[in-house]
Every structure is written in C-alpha cells, then in structure tokens.
Amino acid sequence: MPRHARMPTRTLQKALSVLALGAGLLGVFPARAASLQDRIVAVVNTEVITLSELEEEVGDAKAQVRQRYREAELTQRLRQIDYMGLNRMIERKLQLQIAKRRGIKVTEEEVKDAIVRLRRLGEKPDENDPQEMALIKDQLTALRLINQQVQSSLLVSGEEVHRDRFMLPPEVRISQILIALEPGSELLAVREKAQEVYALLKKGERFEELAAKYSDGPEGRRGGSLGYIRPGDMLPQIQKAIEQAPPGSVTEPIASSIGMHIIRVDDRKPPQFRPFEEVKEDVRNLVFQLKSEEAYVEWIKEQKDKNYIEIRL
C-alpha cells in the first residue's frame, strides 16, 4: 500500500469531533493490508498485528525523530514509538472485537451521513475507495462502543464545574524590531545592526519609526506591534527577557535562531475570570471529556485483562 493511503487518518480524526463521541480516546485506523510474510508482533484473541502494519502506524513519527536524534537517544525513542503505536493498535483491534461480540453495527446510511458532515468541515473522503469506507465504518463502530460502555453512565455535577478552569491567563502586549538572520548572512553583522538600532532607541528615536525602517518582520509596517500574547506563545528567550519588564520598557537585543529581537513591553493584562454564564457549557464539556478519558483508561485496562493479548515485538 503506498504512503498516500494514510490520508484517511485526518478524515477519521474529524469523525471524532463531528460525532462528539469519545474525542481523544481513540486513535485512527491506518490503511494497510497485512502481508502473509509479515512477522507477527502481537496477537489479540484470534487476530494478529503484523510488523508491516505497525510500521505503517508509526512510520511518520519515526521519520521525525530520525531527523532530530542520533545513536542511543534515537534507539530509545524509536522503541518508545513502537511500544506506543502497538498499544494503540491492540486497543483498536480489541474495541472492534468487543463491538462485534455485542452486536454493535454501523449502517451504510450512517457512514454516508458522517461523510456529508466531514465534507462540510472541508475533508474529502473518497466514497469510491472501499478500504477508506471500511476504515470510517470501523471508527464509527468503535466510537459507538465507547459511547455505550464508557460515556453513557457519566454525569457532571454542579460541584465539578469549577470557575478556575476558565480563568484567562495573563497577557502582555509587545512590539518588536526584528533584525533577521537570513540564509547567507553573518551573525556578527546581524548583531551589529541590532546594536545600532538599539543605540538609536537609547538616543530617543521613536520605536515605531525605527520598526518601520529597520524591522524585517511583517509587523514592522504596524510600527512593530505584535498585539497581546500569552506566556508560552512566544520564544523562551523573549519571555524570559520581558518577564519582569514594566510597560514602556525596551529590552536589549535578544538572540534567537531567526535573528535579533528588540522588544518593547506596551501593556500587561493580569489573569481574569470570564463570566461564569459565558463559560458554563464549556466547563461542563471539559469536565465531561476529562471524566470520559479517565473512565476509558479504566475500561480498556479491564478489557485487556479479560482478553488474550500476546506481544511479540
């Protein structure tokens, strides 16, 4: 099966959100037919999982870590990916087996209805691909099982809806002059230019004018304004530099992988609550999801204990 066969994974992830059943509890079903020559890496009751199926499941993740790590660290991370991927596959196969034993079925009309809703979300499931349609049907079947066995008995009490779950985090409004480190440019020259611009600021020239003239970022046209940003949404070097900086202060040039940044702190917003009525349903949904995930972990552990599972990886 060629690599483009993995396209249905995004479709199936959308199916989770469209149907609002067990979001976050299930993985996706990769499209890969097992070869008789494959080595068996796991047995789930009377069904097997092959090495080629596992490689299709974890291929993208492995490609990413191979670009970032080497030697012992790479070996360890590849093993972790294999273990986590195989565990997901075992759980999915077990879910479908249990659904079959319980007589849970998804009709062709329900699959077509899911496809219609997926298309409204911009996805493009291929109705002429039998394998892709089978994958969607399997996903819907597993979702129905989880909804029946895990979520149907869950309730969210008033005491579990806490206001502090939806406190807005602090925000800081900043402006930036970026002297970018372009391909082929010398770091020393970038540093010197940033120091020259910083010296002009110290002499009293306006930040907005210098940003428009010197900044390589698109915000330069707006006088350098980046608007309000939350902690964690900015480069760590910048966050550390402005952590205690009062509004109106300007940092010295800050080095990053993309160049040198001169940051002005324009304003700060402290943490604040959103009105409870505005967030009540959001809070309730969040609590329900958290309880669903906890209940699923307990349920799937119980099912693994009850069924025959052998790992040969």
C-alpha atoms as a PDB file:
ATOM      1  CA  MET A   1       0.000   0.000   0.000  1.00  0.00           C
ATOM      2  CA  PRO A   2       1.575   3.364  -0.955  1.00  0.00           C
ATOM      3  CA  ARG A   3       2.172   6.082   1.619  1.00  0.00           C
ATOM      4  CA  HIS A   4      -0.752   8.174   0.393  1.00  0.00           C
ATOM      5  CA  ALA A   5      -3.056   5.533   1.843  1.00  0.00           C
ATOM      6  CA  ARG A   6      -2.652   7.235   5.223  1.00  0.00           C
ATOM      7  CA  MET A   7      -4.887  10.085   4.080  1.00  0.00           C
ATOM      8  CA  PRO A   8      -7.947   8.675   5.895  1.00  0.00           C
ATOM      9  CA  THR A   9      -6.351   9.321   9.283  1.00  0.00           C
ATOM     10  CA  ARG A  10      -7.296  13.005   9.130  1.00  0.00           C
ATOM     11  CA  THR A  11     -10.778  12.040   7.988  1.00  0.00           C
ATOM     12  CA  LEU A  12     -11.225   9.715  10.925  1.00  0.00           C
ATOM     13  CA  GLN A  13      -9.949  12.295  13.379  1.00  0.00           C
ATOM     14  CA  LYS A  14     -12.607  14.654  12.051  1.00  0.00           C
ATOM     15  CA  ALA A  15     -15.201  11.922  12.530  1.00  0.00           C
ATOM     16  CA  LEU A  16     -14.418  12.007  16.232  1.00  0.00           C
ATOM     17  CA  SER A  17     -15.195  15.693  16.544  1.00  0.00           C
ATOM     18  CA  VAL A  18     -18.177  15.582  14.189  1.00  0.00           C
ATOM     19  CA  LEU A  19     -19.926  12.908  16.219  1.00  0.00           C
ATOM     20  CA  ALA A  20     -18.736  14.271  19.583  1.00  0.00           C
ATOM     21  CA  LEU A  21     -18.152  10.754  20.883  1.00  0.00           C
ATOM     22  CA  GLY A  22     -15.089   9.946  22.887  1.00  0.00           C
ATOM     23  CA  ALA A  23     -12.853  12.613  21.392  1.00  0.00           C
ATOM     24  CA  GLY A  24      -9.282  11.918  22.380  1.00  0.00           C
ATOM     25  CA  LEU A  25      -9.969   8.326  23.421  1.00  0.00           C
ATOM     26  CA  LEU A  26      -9.348   6.614  20.097  1.00  0.00           C
ATOM     27  CA  GLY A  27      -6.528   6.558  17.623  1.00  0.00           C
ATOM     28  CA  VAL A  28      -7.036   6.377  13.907  1.00  0.00           C
ATOM     29  CA  PHE A  29      -7.093   3.324  11.674  1.00  0.00           C
ATOM     30  CA  PRO A  30      -4.212   3.359   9.186  1.00  0.00           C
ATOM     31  CA  ALA A  31      -4.929   1.893   5.777  1.00  0.00           C
ATOM     32  CA  ARG A  32      -2.565  -1.048   5.337  1.00  0.00           C
ATOM     33  CA  ALA A  33      -3.284  -4.592   4.257  1.00  0.00           C
ATOM     34  CA  ALA A  34      -1.271  -7.258   6.086  1.00  0.00           C
ATOM     35  CA  SER A  35       1.099  -9.471   4.124  1.00  0.00           C
ATOM     36  CA  LEU A  36       1.273 -13.191   4.857  1.00  0.00           C
ATOM     37  CA  GLN A  37       5.067 -12.876   5.003  1.00  0.00           C
ATOM     38  CA  ASP A  38       4.952 -10.289   7.807  1.00  0.00           C
ATOM     39  CA  ARG A  39       6.345 -11.097  11.202  1.00  0.00           C
ATOM     40  CA  ILE A  40       3.633 -11.162  13.862  1.00  0.00           C
ATOM     41  CA  VAL A  41       4.259  -8.574  16.594  1.00  0.00           C
ATOM     42  CA  ALA A  42       1.074  -9.066  18.630  1.00  0.00           C
ATOM     43  CA  VAL A  43      -1.911 -11.391  18.981  1.00  0.00           C
ATOM     44  CA  VAL A  44      -5.301 -10.120  20.134  1.00  0.00           C
ATOM     45  CA  ASN A  45      -7.554 -13.100  20.790  1.00  0.00           C
ATOM     46  CA  THR A  46      -7.755 -14.774  17.349  1.00  0.00           C
ATOM     47  CA  GLU A  47      -6.353 -11.844  15.318  1.00  0.00           C
ATOM     48  CA  VAL A  48      -2.779 -10.768  14.700  1.00  0.00           C
ATOM     49  CA  ILE A  49      -0.937  -7.487  14.199  1.00  0.00           C
ATOM     50  CA  THR A  50       1.979  -7.650  11.780  1.00  0.00           C
ATOM     51  CA  LEU A  51       5.224  -5.745  11.623  1.00  0.00           C
ATOM     52  CA  SER A  52       4.240  -4.013   8.371  1.00  0.00           C
ATOM     53  CA  GLU A  53       1.004  -2.800   9.975  1.00  0.00           C
ATOM     54  CA  LEU A  54       2.963  -1.434  12.921  1.00  0.00           C
ATOM     55  CA  GLU A  55       5.450   0.291  10.614  1.00  0.00           C
ATOM     56  CA  GLU A  56       2.578   1.949   8.744  1.00  0.00           C
ATOM     57  CA  GLU A  57       1.136   3.110  12.065  1.00  0.00           C
ATOM     58  CA  VAL A  58       4.371   4.681  13.334  1.00  0.00           C
ATOM     59  CA  GLY A  59       6.205   5.495  10.098  1.00  0.00           C
ATOM     60  CA  ASP A  60       5.646   9.248  10.178  1.00  0.00           C
ATOM     61  CA  ALA A  61       6.607   9.561  13.848  1.00  0.00           C
ATOM     62  CA  LYS A  62       9.792   7.582  13.297  1.00  0.00           C
ATOM     63  CA  ALA A  63      10.772   9.730  10.320  1.00  0.00           C
ATOM     64  CA  GLN A  64      10.501  12.835  12.504  1.00  0.00           C
ATOM     65  CA  VAL A  65      12.649  11.528  15.351  1.00  0.00           C
ATOM     66  CA  ARG A  66      15.286  10.253  12.907  1.00  0.00           C
ATOM     67  CA  GLN A  67      15.762  13.848  11.824  1.00  0.00           C
ATOM     68  CA  ARG A  68      16.227  15.084  15.393  1.00  0.00           C
ATOM     69  CA  TYR A  69      18.098  12.384  17.318  1.00  0.00           C
ATOM     70  CA  ARG A  70      21.125  10.125  16.907  1.00  0.00           C
ATOM     71  CA  GLU A  71      22.643   6.975  18.379  1.00  0.00           C
ATOM     72  CA  ALA A  72      21.399   5.820  21.830  1.00  0.00           C
ATOM     73  CA  GLU A  73      18.795   8.580  22.146  1.00  0.00           C
ATOM     74  CA  LEU A  74      17.390   7.708  18.717  1.00  0.00           C
ATOM     75  CA  THR A  75      17.226   3.999  19.551  1.00  0.00           C
ATOM     76  CA  GLN A  76      15.362   4.679  22.781  1.00  0.00           C
ATOM     77  CA  ARG A  77      12.833   6.965  21.133  1.00  0.00           C
ATOM     78  CA  LEU A  78      12.205   4.537  18.271  1.00  0.00           C
ATOM     79  CA  ARG A  79      11.450   1.821  20.811  1.00  0.00           C
ATOM     80  CA  GLN A  80       9.044   4.130  22.645  1.00  0.00           C
ATOM     81  CA  ILE A  81       7.248   4.916  19.387  1.00  0.00           C
ATOM     82  CA  ASP A  82       6.933   1.212  18.579  1.00  0.00           C
ATOM     83  CA  TYR A  83       5.535   0.454  22.025  1.00  0.00           C
ATOM     84  CA  MET A  84       3.012   3.295  21.989  1.00  0.00           C
ATOM     85  CA  GLY A  85       1.942   2.540  18.425  1.00  0.00           C
ATOM     86  CA  LEU A  86       1.472  -1.155  19.121  1.00  0.00           C
ATOM     87  CA  ASN A  87      -0.565  -0.362  22.228  1.00  0.00           C
ATOM     88  CA  ARG A  88      -2.900   1.861  20.179  1.00  0.00           C
ATOM     89  CA  MET A  89      -3.331  -0.868  17.580  1.00  0.00           C
ATOM     90  CA  ILE A  90      -4.078  -3.507  20.212  1.00  0.00           C
ATOM     91  CA  GLU A  91      -6.721  -1.266  21.778  1.00  0.00           C
ATOM     92  CA  ARG A  92      -8.382  -0.563  18.439  1.00  0.00           C
ATOM     93  CA  LYS A  93      -8.482  -4.226  17.458  1.00  0.00           C
ATOM     94  CA  LEU A  94      -9.868  -5.126  20.866  1.00  0.00           C
ATOM     95  CA  GLN A  95     -12.548  -2.433  20.590  1.00  0.00           C
ATOM     96  CA  LEU A  96     -13.782  -3.810  17.275  1.00  0.00           C
ATOM     97  CA  GLN A  97     -13.802  -7.364  18.576  1.00  0.00           C
ATOM     98  CA  ILE A  98     -15.868  -6.359  21.614  1.00  0.00           C
ATOM     99  CA  ALA A  99     -18.226  -4.328  19.422  1.00  0.00           C
ATOM    100  CA  LYS A 100     -18.764  -7.348  17.192  1.00  0.00           C
ATOM    101  CA  ARG A 101     -19.497  -9.595  20.176  1.00  0.00           C
ATOM    102  CA  ARG A 102     -22.010  -7.056  21.470  1.00  0.00           C
ATOM    103  CA  GLY A 103     -23.732  -6.824  18.129  1.00  0.00           C
ATOM    104  CA  ILE A 104     -22.840  -3.149  17.613  1.00  0.00           C
ATOM    105  CA  LYS A 105     -23.222  -2.245  13.954  1.00  0.00           C
ATOM    106  CA  VAL A 106     -22.988   0.884  11.846  1.00  0.00           C
ATOM    107  CA  THR A 107     -25.201   1.095   8.775  1.00  0.00           C
ATOM    108  CA  GLU A 108     -24.147   2.345   5.359  1.00  0.00           C
ATOM    109  CA  GLU A 109     -26.549   5.262   5.813  1.00  0.00           C
ATOM    110  CA  GLU A 110     -24.716   6.310   8.977  1.00  0.00           C
ATOM    111  CA  VAL A 111     -21.399   6.188   7.136  1.00  0.00           C
ATOM    112  CA  LYS A 112     -22.858   8.351   4.352  1.00  0.00           C
ATOM    113  CA  ASP A 113     -24.186  10.799   6.934  1.00  0.00           C
ATOM    114  CA  ALA A 114     -20.723  11.052   8.526  1.00  0.00           C
ATOM    115  CA  ILE A 115     -19.193  11.650   5.090  1.00  0.00           C
ATOM    116  CA  VAL A 116     -21.619  14.507   4.433  1.00  0.00           C
ATOM    117  CA  ARG A 117     -20.660  16.158   7.705  1.00  0.00           C
ATOM    118  CA  LEU A 118     -16.968  15.598   7.065  1.00  0.00           C
ATOM    119  CA  ARG A 119     -17.264  17.368   3.725  1.00  0.00           C
ATOM    120  CA  ARG A 120     -18.860  20.333   5.471  1.00  0.00           C
ATOM    121  CA  LEU A 121     -15.659  20.517   7.531  1.00  0.00           C
ATOM    122  CA  GLY A 122     -13.553  20.626   4.374  1.00  0.00           C
ATOM    123  CA  GLU A 123     -12.454  16.973   4.342  1.00  0.00           C
ATOM    124  CA  LYS A 124     -12.558  14.904   1.137  1.00  0.00           C
ATOM    125  CA  PRO A 125     -13.300  11.247   1.921  1.00  0.00           C
ATOM    126  CA  ASP A 126     -13.216   9.046  -1.178  1.00  0.00           C
ATOM    127  CA  GLU A 127     -16.500   7.132  -1.416  1.00  0.00           C
ATOM    128  CA  ASN A 128     -15.071   5.051  -4.284  1.00  0.00           C
ATOM    129  CA  ASP A 129     -12.325   3.656  -2.060  1.00  0.00           C
ATOM    130  CA  PRO A 130     -13.726   0.559  -0.280  1.00  0.00           C
ATOM    131  CA  GLN A 131     -10.821   0.460   2.139  1.00  0.00           C
ATOM    132  CA  GLU A 132     -11.313   4.055   3.218  1.00  0.00           C
ATOM    133  CA  MET A 133     -15.042   3.487   3.685  1.00  0.00           C
ATOM    134  CA  ALA A 134     -14.315   0.383   5.769  1.00  0.00           C
ATOM    135  CA  LEU A 135     -11.939   2.371   7.947  1.00  0.00           C
ATOM    136  CA  ILE A 136     -14.540   5.047   8.592  1.00  0.00           C
ATOM    137  CA  LYS A 137     -17.117   2.387   9.415  1.00  0.00           C
ATOM    138  CA  ASP A 138     -14.719   0.715  11.867  1.00  0.00           C
ATOM    139  CA  GLN A 139     -14.026   4.040  13.545  1.00  0.00           C
ATOM    140  CA  LEU A 140     -17.714   4.798  13.934  1.00  0.00           C
ATOM    141  CA  THR A 141     -18.282   1.305  15.339  1.00  0.00           C
ATOM    142  CA  ALA A 142     -15.554   1.781  17.948  1.00  0.00           C
ATOM    143  CA  LEU A 143     -16.932   5.193  18.857  1.00  0.00           C
ATOM    144  CA  ARG A 144     -20.380   3.728  19.392  1.00  0.00           C
ATOM    145  CA  LEU A 145     -18.901   1.081  21.673  1.00  0.00           C
ATOM    146  CA  ILE A 146     -17.047   3.669  23.751  1.00  0.00           C
ATOM    147  CA  ASN A 147     -20.155   5.821  23.978  1.00  0.00           C
ATOM    148  CA  GLN A 148     -22.214   2.834  25.128  1.00  0.00           C
ATOM    149  CA  GLN A 149     -19.740   1.277  27.537  1.00  0.00           C
ATOM    150  CA  VAL A 150     -17.911   4.315  28.920  1.00  0.00           C
ATOM    151  CA  GLN A 151     -19.729   7.588  28.431  1.00  0.00           C
ATOM    152  CA  SER A 152     -23.399   6.746  28.740  1.00  0.00           C
ATOM    153  CA  SER A 153     -23.290   6.497  32.535  1.00  0.00           C
ATOM    154  CA  LEU A 154     -21.139   9.583  33.151  1.00  0.00           C
ATOM    155  CA  LEU A 155     -22.665  12.632  34.800  1.00  0.00           C
ATOM    156  CA  VAL A 156     -21.165  16.026  35.607  1.00  0.00           C
ATOM    157  CA  SER A 157     -22.338  17.519  38.892  1.00  0.00           C
ATOM    158  CA  GLY A 158     -22.515  21.200  39.698  1.00  0.00           C
ATOM    159  CA  GLU A 159     -19.647  20.823  42.162  1.00  0.00           C
ATOM    160  CA  GLU A 160     -17.376  19.614  39.361  1.00  0.00           C
ATOM    161  CA  VAL A 161     -17.862  22.790  37.311  1.00  0.00           C
ATOM    162  CA  HIS A 162     -15.089  24.955  38.740  1.00  0.00           C
ATOM    163  CA  ARG A 163     -14.642  28.609  37.865  1.00  0.00           C
ATOM    164  CA  ASP A 164     -10.856  28.439  37.982  1.00  0.00           C
ATOM    165  CA  ARG A 165     -10.793  26.137  34.968  1.00  0.00           C
ATOM    166  CA  PHE A 166     -11.577  29.093  32.735  1.00  0.00           C
ATOM    167  CA  MET A 167      -9.525  31.851  34.244  1.00  0.00           C
ATOM    168  CA  LEU A 168      -7.950  33.792  31.399  1.00  0.00           C
ATOM    169  CA  PRO A 169      -4.146  33.705  31.680  1.00  0.00           C
ATOM    170  CA  PRO A 170      -2.117  36.914  31.887  1.00  0.00           C
ATOM    171  CA  GLU A 171      -1.277  38.594  28.592  1.00  0.00           C
ATOM    172  CA  VAL A 172       1.367  41.086  27.535  1.00  0.00           C
ATOM    173  CA  ARG A 173       1.172  43.450  24.577  1.00  0.00           C
ATOM    174  CA  ILE A 174       4.547  43.842  22.912  1.00  0.00           C
ATOM    175  CA  SER A 175       6.173  45.438  19.883  1.00  0.00           C
ATOM    176  CA  GLN A 176       9.232  44.137  18.069  1.00  0.00           C
ATOM    177  CA  ILE A 177      12.077  45.201  15.842  1.00  0.00           C
ATOM    178  CA  LEU A 178      13.473  42.066  14.202  1.00  0.00           C
ATOM    179  CA  ILE A 179      16.841  42.003  12.501  1.00  0.00           C
ATOM    180  CA  ALA A 180      16.538  38.669  10.713  1.00  0.00           C
ATOM    181  CA  LEU A 181      19.304  36.142  10.224  1.00  0.00           C
ATOM    182  CA  GLU A 182      18.804  35.395   6.537  1.00  0.00           C
ATOM    183  CA  PRO A 183      20.428  32.484   4.664  1.00  0.00           C
ATOM    184  CA  GLY A 184      23.977  33.530   3.852  1.00  0.00           C
ATOM    185  CA  SER A 185      24.023  36.469   6.271  1.00  0.00           C
ATOM    186  CA  GLU A 186      26.660  36.666   9.009  1.00  0.00           C
ATOM    187  CA  LEU A 187      25.596  36.506  12.639  1.00  0.00           C
ATOM    188  CA  LEU A 188      28.116  39.169  13.623  1.00  0.00           C
ATOM    189  CA  ALA A 189      26.695  41.642  11.092  1.00  0.00           C
ATOM    190  CA  VAL A 190      23.144  40.960  12.338  1.00  0.00           C
ATOM    191  CA  ARG A 191      24.236  41.579  15.938  1.00  0.00           C
ATOM    192  CA  GLU A 192      25.993  44.826  14.993  1.00  0.00           C
ATOM    193  CA  LYS A 193      22.948  46.121  13.125  1.00  0.00           C
ATOM    194  CA  ALA A 194      20.684  45.306  16.085  1.00  0.00           C
ATOM    195  CA  GLN A 195      23.036  47.187  18.421  1.00  0.00           C
ATOM    196  CA  GLU A 196      22.975  50.197  16.090  1.00  0.00           C
ATOM    197  CA  VAL A 197      19.168  50.256  16.124  1.00  0.00           C
ATOM    198  CA  TYR A 198      19.150  49.841  19.911  1.00  0.00           C
ATOM    199  CA  ALA A 199      21.563  52.776  20.218  1.00  0.00           C
ATOM    200  CA  LEU A 200      19.140  54.933  18.199  1.00  0.00           C
ATOM    201  CA  LEU A 201      16.346  54.000  20.617  1.00  0.00           C
ATOM    202  CA  LYS A 202      18.527  54.990  23.556  1.00  0.00           C
ATOM    203  CA  LYS A 203      19.038  58.367  21.905  1.00  0.00           C
ATOM    204  CA  GLY A 204      15.282  58.912  21.919  1.00  0.00           C
ATOM    205  CA  GLU A 205      14.195  57.990  18.392  1.00  0.00           C
ATOM    206  CA  ARG A 206      10.650  56.580  18.192  1.00  0.00           C
ATOM    207  CA  PHE A 207      10.287  52.815  18.325  1.00  0.00           C
ATOM    208  CA  GLU A 208       7.504  52.799  15.689  1.00  0.00           C
ATOM    209  CA  GLU A 209       9.604  54.714  13.166  1.00  0.00           C
ATOM    210  CA  LEU A 210      12.646  52.501  13.663  1.00  0.00           C
ATOM    211  CA  ALA A 211      10.473  49.371  13.360  1.00  0.00           C
ATOM    212  CA  ALA A 212       9.028  50.604  10.069  1.00  0.00           C
ATOM    213  CA  LYS A 213      12.500  51.406   8.775  1.00  0.00           C
ATOM    214  CA  TYR A 214      14.617  48.503  10.041  1.00  0.00           C
ATOM    215  CA  SER A 215      12.439  45.575  11.142  1.00  0.00           C
ATOM    216  CA  ASP A 216      12.436  42.514   8.874  1.00  0.00           C
ATOM    217  CA  GLY A 217       9.214  41.187  10.381  1.00  0.00           C
ATOM    218  CA  PRO A 218       5.788  41.885   8.803  1.00  0.00           C
ATOM    219  CA  GLU A 219       4.799  43.724  11.974  1.00  0.00           C
ATOM    220  CA  GLY A 220       7.281  46.442  11.019  1.00  0.00           C
ATOM    221  CA  ARG A 221       4.583  48.037   8.849  1.00  0.00           C
ATOM    222  CA  ARG A 222       2.470  48.369  12.009  1.00  0.00           C
ATOM    223  CA  GLY A 223       5.229  50.045  13.956  1.00  0.00           C
ATOM    224  CA  GLY A 224       6.344  46.679  15.272  1.00  0.00           C
ATOM    225  CA  SER A 225       3.132  45.867  17.163  1.00  0.00           C
ATOM    226  CA  LEU A 226       2.589  42.144  17.858  1.00  0.00           C
ATOM    227  CA  GLY A 227      -0.533  42.670  19.947  1.00  0.00           C
ATOM    228  CA  TYR A 228      -1.382  40.743  23.123  1.00  0.00           C
ATOM    229  CA  ILE A 229       0.472  37.466  23.611  1.00  0.00           C
ATOM    230  CA  ARG A 230       0.137  34.862  26.348  1.00  0.00           C
ATOM    231  CA  PRO A 231       3.084  33.348  28.203  1.00  0.00           C
ATOM    232  CA  GLY A 232       4.136  30.220  26.368  1.00  0.00           C
ATOM    233  CA  ASP A 233       3.153  31.619  22.986  1.00  0.00           C
ATOM    234  CA  MET A 234       6.436  33.462  22.470  1.00  0.00           C
ATOM    235  CA  LEU A 235      10.069  32.454  22.145  1.00  0.00           C
ATOM    236  CA  PRO A 236      11.507  31.396  25.525  1.00  0.00           C
ATOM    237  CA  GLN A 237      14.344  33.921  25.186  1.00  0.00           C
ATOM    238  CA  ILE A 238      11.865  36.751  24.756  1.00  0.00           C
ATOM    239  CA  GLN A 239       9.585  35.544  27.534  1.00  0.00           C
ATOM    240  CA  LYS A 240      12.500  35.415  29.957  1.00  0.00           C
ATOM    241  CA  ALA A 241      13.749  38.866  28.958  1.00  0.00           C
ATOM    242  CA  ILE A 242      10.383  40.589  29.486  1.00  0.00           C
ATOM    243  CA  GLU A 243       9.219  38.555  32.485  1.00  0.00           C
ATOM    244  CA  GLN A 244       9.644  41.409  34.964  1.00  0.00           C
ATOM    245  CA  ALA A 245       9.796  44.294  32.493  1.00  0.00           C
ATOM    246  CA  PRO A 246       7.285  47.097  33.189  1.00  0.00           C
ATOM    247  CA  PRO A 247       5.157  48.669  30.423  1.00  0.00           C
ATOM    248  CA  GLY A 248       7.153  51.149  28.380  1.00  0.00           C
ATOM    249  CA  SER A 249      10.487  49.387  28.832  1.00  0.00           C
ATOM    250  CA  VAL A 250      12.621  48.190  25.922  1.00  0.00           C
ATOM    251  CA  THR A 251      14.924  45.175  26.005  1.00  0.00           C
ATOM    252  CA  GLU A 252      18.439  44.997  24.734  1.00  0.00           C
ATOM    253  CA  PRO A 253      18.785  42.895  21.549  1.00  0.00           C
ATOM    254  CA  ILE A 254      17.799  39.265  22.197  1.00  0.00           C
ATOM    255  CA  ALA A 255      19.360  36.478  20.121  1.00  0.00           C
ATOM    256  CA  SER A 256      17.302  33.623  18.684  1.00  0.00           C
ATOM    257  CA  SER A 257      17.612  31.162  15.825  1.00  0.00           C
ATOM    258  CA  ILE A 258      15.880  33.613  13.474  1.00  0.00           C
ATOM    259  CA  GLY A 259      17.832  36.744  14.341  1.00  0.00           C
ATOM    260  CA  MET A 260      17.990  39.547  16.887  1.00  0.00           C
ATOM    261  CA  HIS A 261      14.867  40.906  18.601  1.00  0.00           C
ATOM    262  CA  ILE A 262      14.384  44.260  20.283  1.00  0.00           C
ATOM    263  CA  ILE A 263      11.173  44.097  22.329  1.00  0.00           C
ATOM    264  CA  ARG A 264       9.121  46.879  23.850  1.00  0.00           C
ATOM    265  CA  VAL A 265       6.567  45.998  26.541  1.00  0.00           C
ATOM    266  CA  ASP A 266       3.461  48.057  25.795  1.00  0.00           C
ATOM    267  CA  ASP A 267       0.889  46.772  28.294  1.00  0.00           C
ATOM    268  CA  ARG A 268       0.082  43.916  30.659  1.00  0.00           C
ATOM    269  CA  LYS A 269      -3.224  42.222  31.456  1.00  0.00           C
ATOM    270  CA  PRO A 270      -3.460  40.305  34.748  1.00  0.00           C
ATOM    271  CA  PRO A 271      -5.257  36.932  34.974  1.00  0.00           C
ATOM    272  CA  GLN A 272      -9.022  37.360  34.939  1.00  0.00           C
ATOM    273  CA  PHE A 273     -12.170  35.239  35.041  1.00  0.00           C
ATOM    274  CA  ARG A 274     -14.572  35.016  32.148  1.00  0.00           C
ATOM    275  CA  PRO A 275     -18.233  35.414  33.244  1.00  0.00           C
ATOM    276  CA  PHE A 276     -19.486  32.066  34.535  1.00  0.00           C
ATOM    277  CA  GLU A 277     -22.614  32.051  32.382  1.00  0.00           C
ATOM    278  CA  GLU A 278     -20.417  32.602  29.344  1.00  0.00           C
ATOM    279  CA  VAL A 279     -18.264  29.556  30.022  1.00  0.00           C
ATOM    280  CA  LYS A 280     -20.624  27.221  31.901  1.00  0.00           C
ATOM    281  CA  GLU A 281     -21.222  24.841  28.997  1.00  0.00           C
ATOM    282  CA  ASP A 282     -17.554  24.917  28.002  1.00  0.00           C
ATOM    283  CA  VAL A 283     -16.574  23.977  31.547  1.00  0.00           C
ATOM    284  CA  ARG A 284     -19.174  21.212  31.689  1.00  0.00           C
ATOM    285  CA  ASN A 285     -17.947  19.791  28.363  1.00  0.00           C
ATOM    286  CA  LEU A 286     -14.337  19.903  29.517  1.00  0.00           C
ATOM    287  CA  VAL A 287     -15.124  18.118  32.770  1.00  0.00           C
ATOM    288  CA  PHE A 288     -17.120  15.503  30.847  1.00  0.00           C
ATOM    289  CA  GLN A 289     -14.203  14.918  28.490  1.00  0.00           C
ATOM    290  CA  LEU A 290     -11.750  14.535  31.363  1.00  0.00           C
ATOM    291  CA  LYS A 291     -14.050  12.083  33.109  1.00  0.00           C
ATOM    292  CA  SER A 292     -14.519  10.213  29.819  1.00  0.00           C
ATOM    293  CA  GLU A 293     -10.778   9.826  29.378  1.00  0.00           C
ATOM    294  CA  GLU A 294     -10.327   8.583  32.945  1.00  0.00           C
ATOM    295  CA  ALA A 295     -13.225   6.138  32.563  1.00  0.00           C
ATOM    296  CA  TYR A 296     -11.853   4.913  29.237  1.00  0.00           C
ATOM    297  CA  VAL A 297      -8.435   4.158  30.750  1.00  0.00           C
ATOM    298  CA  GLU A 298     -10.078   2.022  33.431  1.00  0.00           C
ATOM    299  CA  TRP A 299     -12.408   0.322  30.952  1.00  0.00           C
ATOM    300  CA  ILE A 300      -9.744  -0.594  28.404  1.00  0.00           C
ATOM    301  CA  LYS A 301      -7.465  -1.923  31.181  1.00  0.00           C
ATOM    302  CA  GLU A 302     -10.280  -4.169  32.342  1.00  0.00           C
ATOM    303  CA  GLN A 303     -10.880  -5.405  28.788  1.00  0.00           C
ATOM    304  CA  LYS A 304      -7.199  -6.179  28.295  1.00  0.00           C
ATOM    305  CA  ASP A 305      -7.233  -8.257  31.475  1.00  0.00           C
ATOM    306  CA  LYS A 306     -10.267 -10.208  30.258  1.00  0.00           C
ATOM    307  CA  ASN A 307      -8.974 -10.954  26.759  1.00  0.00           C
ATOM    308  CA  TYR A 308      -5.990 -12.860  25.386  1.00  0.00           C
ATOM    309  CA  ILE A 309      -3.225 -10.479  24.338  1.00  0.00           C
ATOM    310  CA  GLU A 310       0.295 -11.569  23.454  1.00  0.00           C
ATOM    311  CA  ILE A 311       3.038  -9.120  22.483  1.00  0.00           C
ATOM    312  CA  ARG A 312       5.874 -10.472  20.343  1.00  0.00           C
ATOM    313  CA  LEU A 313       7.602  -7.227  19.415  1.00  0.00           C
END
